[in-house]
């Protein structure tokens, strides 16, 4: 199935700070979703079937790419990595 992948800084920061549930899978605080799109690993906050409207309504949501049978990984960040990412992203907003 072909999917569209989106990224939102607001959603990313919120997800780093609190646990979430994706398709019945409980994600831990600090879990980061990565997708290999056109050979490059990219962080994403939402994926939907190609051409469908994203579920979230964040005003900073950006389409980062699309693909079929995209390789997906989850990365668990340390507390120090979480703090650094949040500070860096908030300073760039």
N, C-alpha and C. Protein backbone atom coordinates (compact mmCIF):
# COMPACT_ATOMS: atom_id res chain seq x y z
N UNK A 1 0.84 -1.18 0.00
CA UNK A 1 0.00 0.00 0.00
C UNK A 1 0.89 1.24 0.00
N UNK A 2 0.54 2.19 -0.82
CA UNK A 2 1.29 3.44 -0.87
C UNK A 2 0.77 4.39 0.20
N UNK A 3 1.71 5.06 0.89
CA UNK A 3 1.35 5.95 1.98
C UNK A 3 1.99 7.32 1.81
N UNK A 4 1.34 8.33 2.39
CA UNK A 4 1.89 9.68 2.50
C UNK A 4 2.38 9.84 3.94
N UNK A 5 3.55 10.43 4.12
CA UNK A 5 4.14 10.64 5.44
C UNK A 5 4.22 12.13 5.73
N UNK A 6 3.81 12.50 6.93
CA UNK A 6 3.75 13.90 7.34
C UNK A 6 4.58 14.13 8.60
N UNK A 7 5.04 15.37 8.77
CA UNK A 7 5.77 15.75 9.98
C UNK A 7 5.24 17.08 10.49
N UNK A 8 5.04 17.14 11.82
CA UNK A 8 4.62 18.36 12.51
C UNK A 8 5.52 18.53 13.72
N UNK A 9 6.21 19.68 13.82
CA UNK A 9 7.06 19.95 14.98
C UNK A 9 6.24 19.94 16.27
N UNK A 10 5.06 20.56 16.21
CA UNK A 10 4.21 20.61 17.41
C UNK A 10 3.85 19.21 17.88
N UNK A 11 3.42 18.36 16.96
CA UNK A 11 3.03 16.99 17.30
C UNK A 11 4.25 16.20 17.77
N UNK A 12 5.39 16.40 17.12
CA UNK A 12 6.61 15.69 17.49
C UNK A 12 7.02 15.99 18.93
N UNK A 13 7.00 17.28 19.29
CA UNK A 13 7.36 17.67 20.66
C UNK A 13 6.36 17.09 21.65
N UNK A 14 5.08 17.19 21.33
CA UNK A 14 4.03 16.64 22.21
C UNK A 14 4.21 15.12 22.39
N UNK A 15 4.53 14.41 21.30
CA UNK A 15 4.71 12.96 21.36
C UNK A 15 5.96 12.58 22.16
N UNK A 16 7.00 13.42 22.11
CA UNK A 16 8.21 13.13 22.88
C UNK A 16 7.94 13.21 24.38
N UNK A 17 7.02 14.10 24.75
CA UNK A 17 6.78 14.36 26.16
C UNK A 17 5.76 13.42 26.80
N UNK A 18 4.95 12.74 25.99
CA UNK A 18 3.95 11.85 26.58
C UNK A 18 3.74 10.61 25.71
N UNK A 19 3.37 9.48 26.33
CA UNK A 19 3.11 8.25 25.58
C UNK A 19 1.92 8.42 24.63
N UNK A 20 1.87 7.59 23.60
CA UNK A 20 0.76 7.62 22.65
C UNK A 20 0.46 6.21 22.20
N UNK A 21 -0.68 6.04 21.56
CA UNK A 21 -1.08 4.74 21.04
C UNK A 21 -1.29 4.89 19.53
N UNK A 22 -0.62 3.99 18.77
CA UNK A 22 -0.75 4.00 17.31
C UNK A 22 -1.22 2.63 16.88
N UNK A 23 -2.40 2.59 16.29
CA UNK A 23 -2.95 1.33 15.80
C UNK A 23 -2.92 0.22 16.83
N UNK A 24 -3.23 0.55 18.09
CA UNK A 24 -3.25 -0.44 19.16
C UNK A 24 -1.89 -0.69 19.79
N UNK A 25 -0.80 -0.14 19.21
CA UNK A 25 0.54 -0.32 19.75
C UNK A 25 0.88 0.86 20.65
N UNK A 26 1.20 0.57 21.89
CA UNK A 26 1.54 1.62 22.84
C UNK A 26 2.97 2.05 22.63
N UNK A 27 3.17 3.34 22.34
CA UNK A 27 4.51 3.90 22.14
C UNK A 27 4.97 4.50 23.46
N UNK A 28 6.22 4.31 23.80
CA UNK A 28 6.77 4.86 25.03
C UNK A 28 7.15 6.32 24.83
N UNK A 29 7.31 7.02 25.94
CA UNK A 29 7.80 8.39 25.89
C UNK A 29 9.18 8.35 25.24
N UNK A 30 9.37 9.18 24.24
CA UNK A 30 10.66 9.24 23.57
C UNK A 30 10.78 8.35 22.36
N UNK A 31 9.72 7.60 22.01
CA UNK A 31 9.75 6.82 20.78
C UNK A 31 9.64 7.76 19.58
N UNK A 32 10.49 7.52 18.59
CA UNK A 32 10.46 8.33 17.37
C UNK A 32 10.17 7.39 16.20
N UNK A 33 9.23 7.78 15.34
CA UNK A 33 8.89 6.99 14.16
C UNK A 33 9.73 7.48 12.99
N UNK A 34 10.38 6.52 12.31
CA UNK A 34 11.23 6.83 11.16
C UNK A 34 10.75 6.04 9.95
N UNK A 35 10.79 6.68 8.78
CA UNK A 35 10.43 6.01 7.54
C UNK A 35 11.56 6.25 6.53
N UNK A 36 11.90 5.21 5.79
CA UNK A 36 12.94 5.32 4.76
C UNK A 36 12.25 5.67 3.45
N UNK A 37 12.31 6.96 3.10
CA UNK A 37 11.63 7.48 1.92
C UNK A 37 12.70 7.87 0.90
N UNK A 38 12.65 7.26 -0.27
CA UNK A 38 13.64 7.51 -1.32
C UNK A 38 15.06 7.33 -0.80
N UNK A 39 15.26 6.30 0.04
CA UNK A 39 16.58 5.97 0.53
C UNK A 39 17.08 6.80 1.70
N UNK A 40 16.25 7.71 2.21
CA UNK A 40 16.65 8.60 3.31
C UNK A 40 15.72 8.37 4.50
N UNK A 41 16.31 8.16 5.71
CA UNK A 41 15.51 8.01 6.92
C UNK A 41 15.01 9.37 7.37
N UNK A 42 13.68 9.49 7.56
CA UNK A 42 13.07 10.75 7.97
C UNK A 42 12.13 10.50 9.14
N UNK A 43 12.12 11.46 10.10
CA UNK A 43 11.16 11.40 11.20
C UNK A 43 9.79 11.77 10.66
N UNK A 44 8.75 11.07 11.13
CA UNK A 44 7.39 11.43 10.75
C UNK A 44 6.47 11.33 11.95
N UNK A 45 5.39 12.08 11.91
CA UNK A 45 4.43 12.06 13.01
C UNK A 45 3.10 11.43 12.60
N UNK A 46 2.90 11.27 11.30
CA UNK A 46 1.63 10.68 10.84
C UNK A 46 1.81 10.09 9.45
N UNK A 47 1.16 8.95 9.22
CA UNK A 47 1.11 8.38 7.87
C UNK A 47 -0.34 8.00 7.57
N UNK A 48 -0.71 8.21 6.32
CA UNK A 48 -2.07 7.88 5.87
C UNK A 48 -1.97 7.27 4.48
N UNK A 49 -2.98 6.49 4.07
CA UNK A 49 -2.97 5.97 2.71
C UNK A 49 -2.86 7.12 1.70
N UNK A 50 -2.10 6.89 0.65
CA UNK A 50 -1.82 7.92 -0.36
C UNK A 50 -3.10 8.59 -0.82
N UNK A 51 -3.08 9.93 -0.79
CA UNK A 51 -4.20 10.72 -1.27
C UNK A 51 -5.25 11.04 -0.21
N UNK A 52 -5.17 10.40 0.95
CA UNK A 52 -6.14 10.69 2.01
C UNK A 52 -5.69 11.88 2.84
N UNK A 53 -6.67 12.54 3.42
CA UNK A 53 -6.40 13.71 4.26
C UNK A 53 -5.81 13.24 5.60
N UNK A 54 -4.77 13.94 6.11
CA UNK A 54 -4.21 13.58 7.42
C UNK A 54 -5.26 13.75 8.51
N UNK A 55 -5.12 12.96 9.57
CA UNK A 55 -6.08 13.01 10.68
C UNK A 55 -5.85 14.22 11.58
N UNK A 56 -4.58 14.58 11.78
CA UNK A 56 -4.28 15.71 12.67
C UNK A 56 -4.52 17.03 11.95
N UNK A 57 -4.72 18.07 12.74
CA UNK A 57 -5.02 19.38 12.16
C UNK A 57 -3.98 20.43 12.57
N UNK A 58 -2.76 19.98 12.87
CA UNK A 58 -1.71 20.93 13.22
C UNK A 58 -1.41 21.84 12.04
N UNK A 59 -1.27 23.13 12.31
CA UNK A 59 -1.06 24.08 11.21
C UNK A 59 0.36 24.03 10.64
N UNK A 60 1.25 23.24 11.27
CA UNK A 60 2.61 23.12 10.76
C UNK A 60 2.87 21.75 10.12
N UNK A 61 1.80 21.01 9.81
CA UNK A 61 1.92 19.68 9.21
C UNK A 61 2.44 19.80 7.77
N UNK A 62 3.52 19.05 7.48
CA UNK A 62 4.16 19.12 6.17
C UNK A 62 4.30 17.71 5.60
N UNK A 63 3.95 17.55 4.32
CA UNK A 63 4.16 16.27 3.64
C UNK A 63 5.66 16.11 3.42
N UNK A 64 6.24 15.02 3.96
CA UNK A 64 7.68 14.83 3.81
C UNK A 64 8.01 13.80 2.73
N UNK A 65 7.00 13.08 2.25
CA UNK A 65 7.24 12.12 1.18
C UNK A 65 6.18 11.05 1.13
N UNK A 66 6.26 10.25 0.07
CA UNK A 66 5.31 9.15 -0.15
C UNK A 66 6.09 7.93 -0.58
N UNK A 67 5.48 6.78 -0.41
CA UNK A 67 6.14 5.57 -0.87
C UNK A 67 5.28 4.35 -0.69
N UNK A 68 5.68 3.29 -1.39
CA UNK A 68 4.99 2.01 -1.30
C UNK A 68 5.91 1.04 -0.59
N UNK A 69 5.38 0.29 0.36
CA UNK A 69 6.18 -0.67 1.14
C UNK A 69 7.40 -0.01 1.76
N UNK A 70 7.18 1.15 2.37
CA UNK A 70 8.26 1.92 2.99
C UNK A 70 8.73 1.21 4.26
N UNK A 71 10.06 1.15 4.43
CA UNK A 71 10.65 0.56 5.63
C UNK A 71 10.44 1.52 6.79
N UNK A 72 9.94 0.99 7.92
CA UNK A 72 9.63 1.82 9.08
C UNK A 72 10.37 1.27 10.30
N UNK A 73 10.89 2.18 11.12
CA UNK A 73 11.56 1.80 12.37
C UNK A 73 11.11 2.72 13.48
N UNK A 74 11.28 2.25 14.70
CA UNK A 74 11.04 3.06 15.90
C UNK A 74 12.36 3.19 16.63
N UNK A 75 12.68 4.39 17.03
CA UNK A 75 13.92 4.65 17.76
C UNK A 75 13.56 5.15 19.15
N UNK A 76 14.18 4.59 20.17
CA UNK A 76 13.94 5.02 21.55
C UNK A 76 15.05 5.97 21.96
N UNK A 77 14.67 7.19 22.30
CA UNK A 77 15.64 8.21 22.69
C UNK A 77 15.85 8.20 24.20
N UNK A 78 17.05 8.58 24.61
CA UNK A 78 17.34 8.73 26.04
C UNK A 78 16.69 10.02 26.52
N UNK A 79 16.59 10.18 27.83
CA UNK A 79 16.02 11.41 28.40
C UNK A 79 16.83 12.64 27.97
N UNK A 80 18.14 12.49 27.90
CA UNK A 80 19.00 13.60 27.48
C UNK A 80 18.74 13.97 26.00
N UNK A 81 18.58 12.97 25.14
CA UNK A 81 18.27 13.23 23.73
C UNK A 81 16.91 13.91 23.59
N UNK A 82 15.95 13.49 24.39
CA UNK A 82 14.60 14.09 24.35
C UNK A 82 14.70 15.57 24.71
N UNK A 83 15.39 15.88 25.81
CA UNK A 83 15.53 17.28 26.24
C UNK A 83 16.19 18.12 25.16
N UNK A 84 17.28 17.61 24.57
CA UNK A 84 18.00 18.35 23.53
C UNK A 84 17.12 18.60 22.31
N UNK A 85 16.40 17.58 21.88
CA UNK A 85 15.51 17.73 20.72
C UNK A 85 14.42 18.75 20.99
N UNK A 86 13.78 18.67 22.16
CA UNK A 86 12.70 19.60 22.49
C UNK A 86 13.22 21.03 22.53
N UNK A 87 14.35 21.25 23.19
CA UNK A 87 14.93 22.60 23.26
C UNK A 87 15.29 23.09 21.87
N UNK A 88 15.92 22.24 21.06
CA UNK A 88 16.29 22.64 19.70
C UNK A 88 15.11 22.96 18.81
N UNK A 89 14.08 22.14 18.89
CA UNK A 89 12.89 22.37 18.06
C UNK A 89 12.12 23.61 18.53
N UNK A 90 12.01 23.80 19.84
CA UNK A 90 11.29 24.98 20.35
C UNK A 90 12.03 26.27 19.99
N UNK A 91 13.36 26.24 19.97
CA UNK A 91 14.14 27.42 19.61
C UNK A 91 14.04 27.75 18.12
N UNK A 92 13.71 26.73 17.29
CA UNK A 92 13.61 26.94 15.84
C UNK A 92 12.19 27.24 15.38
N UNK A 93 11.23 27.29 16.31
CA UNK A 93 9.83 27.54 15.92
C UNK A 93 9.59 29.01 15.63
